[in-house]
Amino acid sequence: MSIMGWQETSDTFGRRVANNYVAVQVTVRNLNANSEFLIHDVQVAVDTGVDQQYLGRFLAGRDKLLVRAVAQRGQFEDRRNLALNALAVVGAIAAVPAAGLANEFSTAVAIFNGQFVPGLGKLFPDHTVQQLNNINDLGFSASSSSKVIVPVQGAVPLVTFIGERPLEQLPFAWCGYLATQAKDGYCADPNQMQAVGTNGMLYPGGHDTSTVPAIPTGGWKDLPYRKWKAAALRILEQNVYVVVGGVHIKEETTTTGINNLDCPDLMDGNLDLSQTTAGLVSCKVTGDGLDKVSSVKLEKDTDKVAGKIKPSTDGNSAQITFDPSLLSKFAGAYNLFLVDASGGETDTKDQIQLSQQPVVTGVGSTTITLPAAGAGLDITLKGVNLDLIAPNSVTLTSAAGGTPVATTTKGSVAAGATSLTVTVANARAALTGTSYTLAYTSTSQGGKPIIASGVTLIVSQ
């Protein structure tokens, strides 16, 4: 906060306001990252500088509607407007007899009314409307029609007004004046003595809590606020305390929802878990308010699968992703829910059809050493539903290209298997490269060939 001087207040809000109120500029900052701040009240207290028992309690600043009413009186009663209105009346009265008198008098009256009075109006313009607009724009009001809202992680400057007359007899009002000018005035900070400088000026003295000046008989001599020196304004600013009261609110936004869901599907309509990016199954969605969504989930009865969402900046589109190894455990139609930051869920009414499919997530050892010449090499695959991989369908393809190396499924595979062992015959002769990707055929996906996403086998020659 900061205190506005008399001249600054006069220029901004008008002389009549400056003569009645001290304007206090307050900057309210809202550090909340999620909510706006609705200001309910601005209250001000002034430390009188006399004794702790005289610390003024917090009082509401003058509402701008009251200050505006004071300023509007000046539109008719300020010295400038009184003078110009009086001249206009004189001209109007003189114009009546001028019609039947000499041409010289009629001409003089015409010049008076036509040029002189309007000229004075231009020379001394009326700023009342502009000053009223400044009060409307900057002044604080608790009125329901003039709410002040601080935006998310933003700031708002506002002005509140306190009565001027009670301040004009404060002990520090005379700070900056010659001691002989102050007469029975004082210059005292709270818990400080007054002091007289070598130039005869009054200044706040050194700290001394035991020697606070007493109130003289009849009080201190009044000093109008417009005559205060900079030293007094500085002390006033240090001894004014402002409290802002309000509440954090959230703006109602567009209802969150999905208009279109686009996922990679198999021929039978089930989600294709083999089409992955960076190891995740991805769907594209369009809708409203998607930037307010923090996560997604699929739900059917007691089964729940969590997913992630990456919305666009405008909130009209997003990409949702799921871990295929989690999805492969479930089958049936699952409802898609949007979850906000507070945990609130929105049912999109869209469904994703899941089926059990094989998903290879890795191998027992990503780096293998080739066996002796002529010997076979066992490779253990890790994942979910590996029993749905067609027998003898796993192949290894070198990063350098060439014909894929076939493998043979080893042993029987139980339903829902999480591991599968395949054998490469005569491995030293078959695996001549150093880096291999893994592919297989899924029986649950109509014999579709699938590349195991993100799975690489390094061969140590």
Protein backbone atom coordinates (compact mmCIF):
# COMPACT_ATOMS: atom_id res chain seq x y z
CA MET A 1 0.00 0.00 0.00
CA SER A 2 1.00 3.66 -0.35
CA ILE A 3 -0.43 7.03 0.68
CA MET A 4 -1.41 9.51 -2.03
CA GLY A 5 -0.53 13.16 -1.38
CA TRP A 6 -3.12 15.94 -1.43
CA GLN A 7 -2.14 17.27 -4.87
CA GLU A 8 -2.09 13.79 -6.40
CA THR A 9 -5.52 13.05 -4.95
CA SER A 10 -6.83 16.41 -6.19
CA ASP A 11 -5.58 15.83 -9.73
CA THR A 12 -6.94 12.29 -9.87
CA PHE A 13 -10.24 12.50 -7.98
CA GLY A 14 -10.93 16.23 -7.61
CA ARG A 15 -10.27 19.02 -5.13
CA ARG A 16 -13.40 18.36 -3.10
CA VAL A 17 -12.37 14.71 -2.56
CA ALA A 18 -8.80 15.73 -1.69
CA ASN A 19 -10.09 18.16 0.93
CA ASN A 20 -12.16 15.46 2.65
CA TYR A 21 -10.27 12.20 2.25
CA VAL A 22 -6.79 10.71 2.28
CA ALA A 23 -6.52 8.25 -0.60
CA VAL A 24 -4.73 4.97 0.09
CA GLN A 25 -3.59 2.94 -2.90
CA VAL A 26 -3.65 -0.81 -2.22
CA THR A 27 -2.26 -3.49 -4.54
CA VAL A 28 -3.83 -6.90 -3.94
CA ARG A 29 -1.89 -9.88 -5.28
CA ASN A 30 -3.43 -13.33 -5.66
CA LEU A 31 -0.79 -16.07 -5.51
CA ASN A 32 -3.33 -18.89 -5.84
CA ALA A 33 -2.76 -20.92 -8.99
CA ASN A 34 -6.32 -22.23 -9.29
CA SER A 35 -8.79 -19.66 -7.94
CA GLU A 36 -9.62 -16.00 -8.37
CA PHE A 37 -9.94 -13.78 -5.28
CA LEU A 38 -13.16 -11.83 -4.63
CA ILE A 39 -12.49 -8.84 -2.35
CA HIS A 40 -15.19 -8.30 0.30
CA ASP A 41 -13.76 -5.39 2.29
CA VAL A 42 -10.75 -3.11 2.71
CA GLN A 43 -10.12 -1.80 6.24
CA VAL A 44 -7.59 0.73 7.48
CA ALA A 45 -6.10 1.51 10.91
CA VAL A 46 -3.84 4.47 11.79
CA ASP A 47 -1.26 4.47 14.58
CA THR A 48 -1.67 7.93 16.14
CA GLY A 49 1.89 8.00 17.46
CA VAL A 50 0.80 8.93 20.97
CA ASP A 51 0.38 5.71 22.90
CA GLN A 52 -0.41 2.10 22.09
CA GLN A 53 -3.88 2.54 23.54
CA TYR A 54 -4.55 5.10 20.82
CA LEU A 55 -3.82 2.71 17.95
CA GLY A 56 -6.92 3.17 15.85
CA ARG A 57 -8.96 0.05 15.32
CA PHE A 58 -9.49 -1.16 11.78
CA LEU A 59 -12.36 0.61 10.06
CA ALA A 60 -13.79 0.16 6.59
CA GLY A 61 -12.57 2.72 4.09
CA ARG A 62 -15.14 5.07 2.59
CA ASP A 63 -17.10 3.30 -0.12
CA LYS A 64 -16.52 4.79 -3.55
CA LEU A 65 -20.27 5.40 -3.89
CA LEU A 66 -20.06 7.88 -0.98
CA VAL A 67 -16.88 9.48 -2.35
CA ARG A 68 -18.52 9.79 -5.75
CA ALA A 69 -21.46 11.62 -4.18
CA VAL A 70 -19.05 14.11 -2.57
CA ALA A 71 -17.25 14.63 -5.88
CA GLN A 72 -20.51 15.20 -7.76
CA ARG A 73 -21.37 18.17 -5.55
CA GLY A 74 -18.35 19.88 -7.00
CA GLN A 75 -19.94 19.78 -10.44
CA PHE A 76 -22.10 22.68 -9.28
CA GLU A 77 -20.53 24.08 -6.11
CA ASP A 78 -16.77 24.17 -6.76
CA ARG A 79 -15.28 27.65 -7.16
CA ARG A 80 -14.65 27.18 -10.86
CA ASN A 81 -18.21 26.05 -11.58
CA LEU A 82 -19.77 28.70 -9.33
CA ALA A 83 -17.83 31.45 -11.12
CA LEU A 84 -18.70 30.24 -14.63
CA ASN A 85 -22.35 29.64 -13.75
CA ALA A 86 -22.55 33.13 -12.22
CA LEU A 87 -21.08 34.67 -15.38
CA ALA A 88 -23.59 32.71 -17.48
CA VAL A 89 -26.44 34.10 -15.36
CA VAL A 90 -25.08 37.67 -15.72
CA GLY A 91 -24.89 37.24 -19.49
CA ALA A 92 -28.41 35.87 -19.68
CA ILE A 93 -29.80 38.81 -17.65
CA ALA A 94 -27.87 41.38 -19.67
CA ALA A 95 -29.10 39.91 -22.93
CA VAL A 96 -32.74 40.90 -22.23
CA PRO A 97 -32.42 44.73 -22.07
CA ALA A 98 -29.61 44.66 -24.65
CA ALA A 99 -32.16 43.96 -27.37
CA GLY A 100 -33.64 47.48 -27.08
CA LEU A 101 -30.42 49.44 -26.39
CA ALA A 102 -27.54 50.74 -28.49
CA ASN A 103 -25.76 48.47 -30.88
CA GLU A 104 -22.52 48.81 -28.90
CA PHE A 105 -24.09 47.33 -25.76
CA SER A 106 -25.76 44.53 -27.71
CA THR A 107 -22.45 43.69 -29.35
CA ALA A 108 -20.67 43.66 -25.98
CA VAL A 109 -23.28 41.34 -24.51
CA ALA A 110 -23.01 39.03 -27.54
CA ILE A 111 -19.23 38.90 -27.22
CA PHE A 112 -19.54 38.27 -23.47
CA ASN A 113 -21.94 35.36 -23.99
CA GLY A 114 -20.52 34.01 -27.23
CA GLN A 115 -16.77 34.24 -26.69
CA PHE A 116 -15.80 35.30 -23.16
CA VAL A 117 -17.79 32.81 -21.08
CA PRO A 118 -17.06 29.79 -23.37
CA GLY A 119 -13.41 30.88 -23.50
CA LEU A 120 -13.16 30.82 -19.72
CA GLY A 121 -14.67 27.33 -19.82
CA LYS A 122 -11.84 26.19 -22.10
CA LEU A 123 -9.21 28.01 -20.03
CA PHE A 124 -10.50 26.42 -16.82
CA PRO A 125 -12.01 23.09 -17.95
CA ASP A 126 -14.31 21.04 -15.74
CA HIS A 127 -12.67 17.69 -14.98
CA THR A 128 -15.55 16.39 -12.87
CA VAL A 129 -16.64 13.67 -15.30
CA GLN A 130 -13.08 12.42 -15.74
CA GLN A 131 -12.53 12.43 -11.98
CA LEU A 132 -15.79 10.56 -11.40
CA ASN A 133 -14.63 7.96 -13.91
CA ASN A 134 -11.35 7.60 -12.00
CA ILE A 135 -13.32 6.99 -8.80
CA ASN A 136 -15.42 4.37 -10.61
CA ASP A 137 -12.34 2.65 -12.06
CA LEU A 138 -10.02 2.73 -9.04
CA GLY A 139 -12.15 3.19 -5.92
CA PHE A 140 -13.18 0.14 -3.88
CA SER A 141 -16.83 -0.56 -3.26
CA ALA A 142 -18.56 -3.43 -1.49
CA SER A 143 -21.59 -2.90 -3.71
CA SER A 144 -22.82 -6.00 -5.52
CA SER A 145 -22.74 -4.06 -8.79
CA SER A 146 -19.03 -3.25 -8.45
CA LYS A 147 -17.20 -6.40 -7.44
CA VAL A 148 -13.40 -6.40 -7.42
CA ILE A 149 -11.89 -9.73 -8.50
CA VAL A 150 -8.16 -10.47 -8.52
CA PRO A 151 -7.32 -12.93 -11.33
CA VAL A 152 -5.43 -16.19 -10.86
CA GLN A 153 -1.78 -15.38 -10.04
CA GLY A 154 -2.51 -11.73 -10.87
CA ALA A 155 -2.76 -8.36 -9.14
CA VAL A 156 -5.26 -5.51 -8.96
CA PRO A 157 -4.58 -1.94 -7.77
CA LEU A 158 -7.43 -0.18 -5.98
CA VAL A 159 -7.92 2.94 -3.88
CA THR A 160 -9.75 3.23 -0.58
CA PHE A 161 -10.44 6.52 1.22
CA ILE A 162 -10.16 7.45 4.89
CA GLY A 163 -11.44 10.61 6.58
CA GLU A 164 -8.93 13.45 6.47
CA ARG A 165 -10.02 15.59 9.42
CA PRO A 166 -9.07 13.10 12.20
CA LEU A 167 -5.52 12.98 10.80
CA GLU A 168 -4.89 16.74 10.74
CA GLN A 169 -4.24 16.89 14.50
CA LEU A 170 -1.84 13.95 14.68
CA PRO A 171 1.47 14.78 16.43
CA PHE A 172 3.60 14.08 13.35
CA ALA A 173 1.57 16.37 11.05
CA TRP A 174 4.11 19.21 11.66
CA CYS A 175 7.19 17.15 10.74
CA GLY A 176 9.34 19.10 8.29
CA TYR A 177 8.28 22.54 9.60
CA LEU A 178 10.40 24.94 11.60
CA ALA A 179 9.95 24.43 15.31
CA THR A 180 8.88 28.08 15.59
CA GLN A 181 6.19 27.54 12.96
CA ALA A 182 4.75 24.48 14.65
CA LYS A 183 3.87 26.41 17.82
CA ASP A 184 2.04 23.77 19.84
CA GLY A 185 2.48 21.15 17.12
CA TYR A 186 4.81 18.19 17.53
CA CYS A 187 6.76 15.77 15.32
CA ALA A 188 6.64 12.32 16.88
CA ASP A 189 6.79 8.77 15.62
CA PRO A 190 5.22 6.00 17.74
CA ASN A 191 7.65 5.38 20.62
CA GLN A 192 9.90 8.22 19.48
CA MET A 193 10.62 11.71 20.78
CA GLN A 194 10.54 14.77 18.61
CA ALA A 195 13.81 16.43 17.75
CA VAL A 196 14.82 19.83 16.39
CA GLY A 197 17.57 19.80 13.78
CA THR A 198 20.36 22.36 13.46
CA ASN A 199 18.30 24.04 10.75
CA GLY A 200 15.40 24.46 13.16
CA MET A 201 13.26 21.79 11.44
CA LEU A 202 11.22 19.24 13.36
CA TYR A 203 12.29 15.62 12.83
CA PRO A 204 11.40 12.33 14.52
CA GLY A 205 13.80 11.79 17.39
CA GLY A 206 15.68 8.69 18.53
CA HIS A 207 13.85 5.64 19.83
CA ASP A 208 12.89 6.03 23.47
CA THR A 209 9.83 4.11 24.63
CA SER A 210 9.75 5.91 27.97
CA THR A 211 9.47 9.46 26.67
CA VAL A 212 6.49 9.62 24.37
CA PRO A 213 5.17 13.21 24.23
CA ALA A 214 2.02 13.87 26.20
CA ILE A 215 -1.08 15.37 24.60
CA PRO A 216 -1.01 19.14 25.22
CA THR A 217 -4.03 20.95 26.67
CA GLY A 218 -6.53 21.44 23.87
CA GLY A 219 -4.70 18.96 21.65
CA TRP A 220 -2.15 19.68 18.97
CA LYS A 221 -2.57 22.49 16.50
CA ASP A 222 -4.43 21.38 13.36
CA LEU A 223 -2.53 21.29 10.07
CA PRO A 224 -4.59 20.77 6.85
CA TYR A 225 -3.46 17.69 4.93
CA ARG A 226 -2.69 19.72 1.82
CA LYS A 227 0.04 21.53 3.79
CA TRP A 228 1.82 18.45 5.11
CA LYS A 229 5.53 18.14 4.32
CA ALA A 230 7.18 15.01 2.89
CA ALA A 231 8.49 13.99 6.35
CA ALA A 232 4.94 13.85 7.74
CA LEU A 233 3.66 11.90 4.73
CA ARG A 234 6.46 9.37 5.19
CA ILE A 235 5.56 8.82 8.85
CA LEU A 236 1.85 8.54 8.01
CA GLU A 237 2.63 5.90 5.41
CA GLN A 238 4.66 3.93 7.96
CA ASN A 239 1.85 4.09 10.51
CA VAL A 240 -1.08 3.12 8.29
CA TYR A 241 -2.11 -0.54 8.24
CA VAL A 242 -4.44 -2.07 5.65
CA VAL A 243 -6.31 -5.36 5.87
CA VAL A 244 -8.03 -6.90 2.85
CA GLY A 245 -10.77 -9.49 3.34
CA GLY A 246 -12.20 -11.78 0.68
CA VAL A 247 -12.64 -15.31 -0.56
CA HIS A 248 -11.13 -17.47 -3.27
CA ILE A 249 -13.61 -18.43 -5.97
CA LYS A 250 -13.53 -20.54 -9.11
CA GLU A 251 -15.03 -19.31 -12.33
CA GLU A 252 -17.64 -21.58 -13.83
CA THR A 253 -16.23 -23.04 -17.01
CA THR A 254 -17.64 -24.87 -19.97
CA THR A 255 -18.91 -28.32 -19.05
CA THR A 256 -16.20 -30.90 -19.56
CA GLY A 257 -17.08 -33.55 -22.10
CA ILE A 258 -16.04 -35.54 -25.15
CA ASN A 259 -17.61 -35.19 -28.58
CA ASN A 260 -15.51 -37.71 -30.46
CA LEU A 261 -13.28 -40.65 -29.45
CA ASP A 262 -10.86 -42.15 -31.98
CA CYS A 263 -8.91 -45.28 -30.97
CA PRO A 264 -7.01 -47.90 -33.00
CA ASP A 265 -9.40 -50.85 -33.32
CA LEU A 266 -9.22 -54.43 -34.50
CA MET A 267 -11.60 -55.81 -37.14
CA ASP A 268 -13.91 -57.05 -34.37
CA GLY A 269 -14.11 -53.57 -32.78
CA ASN A 270 -11.82 -54.29 -29.83
CA LEU A 271 -9.02 -51.88 -28.97
CA ASP A 272 -5.83 -52.88 -30.77
CA LEU A 273 -3.19 -53.15 -28.06
CA SER A 274 -0.41 -53.70 -30.58
CA GLN A 275 -0.57 -50.16 -31.98
CA THR A 276 1.55 -48.31 -29.46
CA THR A 277 3.64 -45.16 -29.29
CA ALA A 278 6.46 -45.11 -26.75
CA GLY A 279 4.98 -48.31 -25.34
CA LEU A 280 1.49 -46.84 -24.78
CA VAL A 281 -1.85 -47.25 -26.54
CA SER A 282 -3.08 -43.83 -27.62
CA CYS A 283 -6.55 -42.46 -28.47
CA LYS A 284 -7.45 -39.02 -29.82
CA VAL A 285 -10.43 -37.16 -28.35
CA THR A 286 -12.16 -33.86 -29.06
CA GLY A 287 -14.56 -32.05 -26.77
CA ASP A 288 -14.93 -29.16 -24.32
CA GLY A 289 -12.95 -28.16 -21.24
CA LEU A 290 -10.40 -30.94 -21.67
CA ASP A 291 -7.68 -28.69 -20.24
CA LYS A 292 -9.46 -29.03 -16.88
CA VAL A 293 -8.99 -32.82 -16.90
CA SER A 294 -6.02 -34.24 -14.99
CA SER A 295 -6.43 -37.96 -15.81
CA VAL A 296 -8.78 -40.56 -17.30
CA LYS A 297 -9.89 -44.04 -16.36
CA LEU A 298 -11.80 -46.99 -17.78
CA GLU A 299 -14.34 -48.61 -15.51
CA LYS A 300 -16.60 -51.67 -15.61
CA ASP A 301 -18.21 -52.88 -12.40
CA THR A 302 -15.30 -53.12 -9.94
CA ASP A 303 -12.60 -53.16 -12.64
CA LYS A 304 -10.74 -49.86 -13.10
CA VAL A 305 -7.84 -48.98 -15.38
CA ALA A 306 -6.08 -45.61 -14.94
CA GLY A 307 -4.84 -43.63 -17.94
CA LYS A 308 -3.20 -40.30 -18.73
CA ILE A 309 -4.34 -37.30 -20.74
CA LYS A 310 -2.41 -34.62 -22.62
CA PRO A 311 -4.83 -31.80 -23.57
CA SER A 312 -4.23 -29.06 -26.11
CA THR A 313 -3.87 -25.48 -24.86
CA ASP A 314 -7.40 -24.54 -25.98
CA GLY A 315 -8.92 -27.55 -24.21
CA ASN A 316 -10.77 -28.67 -27.36
CA SER A 317 -8.72 -31.78 -28.06
CA ALA A 318 -6.46 -34.19 -26.21
CA GLN A 319 -4.54 -37.44 -26.38
CA ILE A 320 -5.32 -40.17 -23.84
CA THR A 321 -2.93 -43.06 -23.25
CA PHE A 322 -3.04 -46.41 -21.45
CA ASP A 323 -0.51 -49.09 -20.56
CA PRO A 324 -1.35 -52.04 -22.87
CA SER A 325 -0.10 -54.58 -20.33
CA LEU A 326 -2.84 -53.36 -17.96
CA LEU A 327 -5.57 -53.32 -20.60
CA SER A 328 -4.74 -56.84 -21.81
CA LYS A 329 -6.02 -58.33 -18.56
CA PHE A 330 -9.62 -57.23 -19.19
CA ALA A 331 -12.41 -58.00 -21.64
CA GLY A 332 -15.73 -56.29 -22.37
CA ALA A 333 -17.11 -52.77 -22.80
CA TYR A 334 -15.52 -50.25 -20.40
CA ASN A 335 -16.88 -46.76 -19.74
CA LEU A 336 -14.49 -43.82 -20.15
CA PHE A 337 -14.38 -41.31 -17.25
CA LEU A 338 -12.64 -37.92 -17.06
CA VAL A 339 -11.07 -37.04 -13.68
CA ASP A 340 -10.36 -33.42 -12.61
CA ALA A 341 -7.71 -32.15 -10.18
CA SER A 342 -10.05 -32.49 -7.19
CA GLY A 343 -10.85 -36.13 -8.00
CA GLY A 344 -14.27 -35.39 -9.47
CA GLU A 345 -15.32 -37.79 -12.23
CA THR A 346 -17.31 -37.14 -15.40
CA ASP A 347 -18.85 -40.05 -17.32
CA THR A 348 -18.28 -39.35 -21.02
CA LYS A 349 -20.90 -41.96 -22.04
CA ASP A 350 -18.25 -43.33 -24.41
CA GLN A 351 -17.08 -46.95 -24.23
CA ILE A 352 -13.89 -48.74 -25.22
CA GLN A 353 -14.14 -52.43 -26.05
CA LEU A 354 -11.33 -54.50 -24.56
CA SER A 355 -10.24 -58.08 -25.23
CA GLN A 356 -7.47 -60.25 -23.89
CA GLN A 357 -4.46 -59.93 -26.18
CA PRO A 358 -0.79 -60.92 -25.86
CA VAL A 359 1.56 -58.10 -24.87
CA VAL A 360 5.33 -58.63 -24.71
CA THR A 361 6.94 -56.18 -22.30
CA GLY A 362 10.51 -57.49 -22.33
CA VAL A 363 12.89 -60.44 -22.30
CA GLY A 364 14.59 -62.25 -19.45
CA SER A 365 17.92 -60.70 -20.36
CA THR A 366 18.25 -57.93 -22.91
CA THR A 367 21.88 -58.84 -23.59
CA ILE A 368 22.74 -62.44 -24.45
CA THR A 369 25.96 -64.29 -25.17
CA LEU A 370 25.86 -66.76 -28.04
CA PRO A 371 26.42 -70.43 -27.14
CA ALA A 372 28.97 -72.72 -28.76
CA ALA A 373 28.67 -73.53 -32.44
CA GLY A 374 25.72 -75.76 -33.24
CA ALA A 375 23.96 -75.19 -29.89
CA GLY A 376 20.52 -73.67 -29.53
CA LEU A 377 19.70 -70.49 -27.58
CA ASP A 378 16.71 -70.15 -25.21
CA ILE A 379 15.12 -66.72 -24.96
CA THR A 380 12.49 -66.03 -22.30
CA LEU A 381 9.78 -63.48 -23.13
CA LYS A 382 8.00 -61.53 -20.37
CA GLY A 383 4.51 -60.01 -20.64
CA VAL A 384 0.80 -60.72 -20.32
CA ASN A 385 -1.37 -63.41 -21.97
CA LEU A 386 1.63 -64.90 -23.73
CA ASP A 387 -0.32 -68.13 -24.30
CA LEU A 388 -2.17 -66.21 -27.05
CA ILE A 389 1.03 -65.99 -29.13
CA ALA A 390 0.77 -68.52 -31.96
CA PRO A 391 3.15 -71.44 -31.53
CA ASN A 392 6.48 -71.12 -33.34
CA SER A 393 5.54 -67.60 -34.56
CA VAL A 394 8.16 -65.53 -32.71
CA THR A 395 10.85 -64.11 -35.01
CA LEU A 396 13.93 -61.97 -34.49
CA THR A 397 14.85 -59.32 -37.06
CA SER A 398 18.28 -57.72 -37.19
CA ALA A 399 18.51 -53.95 -37.12
CA ALA A 400 20.78 -54.30 -40.15
CA GLY A 401 18.00 -56.03 -42.08
CA GLY A 402 17.91 -59.46 -43.64
CA THR A 403 15.67 -62.48 -43.24
CA PRO A 404 13.96 -62.77 -39.84
CA VAL A 405 15.28 -65.56 -37.64
CA ALA A 406 12.59 -68.11 -36.72
CA THR A 407 12.21 -69.60 -33.27
CA THR A 408 10.46 -72.63 -31.81
CA THR A 409 8.12 -72.42 -28.85
CA LYS A 410 9.51 -74.48 -25.98
CA GLY A 411 7.19 -76.55 -23.85
CA SER A 412 3.51 -76.06 -23.09
CA VAL A 413 2.17 -72.62 -22.17
CA ALA A 414 -0.47 -72.15 -19.46
CA ALA A 415 -3.47 -69.84 -19.88
CA GLY A 416 -2.67 -66.24 -18.97
CA ALA A 417 1.07 -66.97 -19.06
CA THR A 418 3.41 -64.14 -18.12
CA SER A 419 6.49 -65.82 -19.57
CA LEU A 420 7.21 -67.75 -22.75
CA THR A 421 10.42 -69.50 -23.77
CA VAL A 422 11.43 -69.81 -27.41
CA THR A 423 14.53 -71.46 -28.91
CA VAL A 424 16.79 -70.31 -31.74
CA ALA A 425 18.40 -73.37 -33.35
CA ASN A 426 22.14 -73.17 -34.11
CA ALA A 427 22.13 -69.64 -32.63
CA ARG A 428 25.77 -68.78 -33.39
CA ALA A 429 25.18 -69.27 -37.10
CA ALA A 430 21.67 -67.76 -37.15
CA LEU A 431 22.30 -64.59 -35.10
CA THR A 432 25.07 -62.76 -36.92
CA GLY A 433 23.87 -59.24 -36.04
CA THR A 434 24.16 -57.37 -32.75
CA SER A 435 20.69 -55.85 -32.27
CA TYR A 436 17.33 -57.56 -32.88
CA THR A 437 13.67 -56.61 -32.65
CA LEU A 438 11.04 -59.19 -31.76
CA ALA A 439 7.80 -59.98 -33.61
CA TYR A 440 5.04 -62.56 -33.16
CA THR A 441 1.58 -63.57 -34.35
CA SER A 442 -1.50 -63.27 -32.13
CA THR A 443 -4.17 -65.94 -32.17
CA SER A 444 -6.64 -63.55 -30.50
CA GLN A 445 -6.17 -60.98 -33.25
CA GLY A 446 -6.84 -63.11 -36.29
CA GLY A 447 -3.23 -64.15 -36.89
CA LYS A 448 -2.06 -60.55 -37.05
CA PRO A 449 1.75 -60.11 -37.06
CA ILE A 450 2.84 -57.80 -34.23
CA ILE A 451 6.16 -56.13 -33.40
CA ALA A 452 6.90 -56.09 -29.68
CA SER A 453 7.09 -52.34 -29.01
CA GLY A 454 10.18 -51.17 -27.15
CA VAL A 455 11.71 -54.65 -26.86
CA THR A 456 15.25 -54.97 -28.20
CA LEU A 457 17.64 -57.93 -27.89
CA ILE A 458 21.39 -57.21 -27.85
CA VAL A 459 23.61 -60.10 -28.96
CA SER A 460 27.18 -60.30 -27.68
CA GLN A 461 29.21 -61.97 -30.44
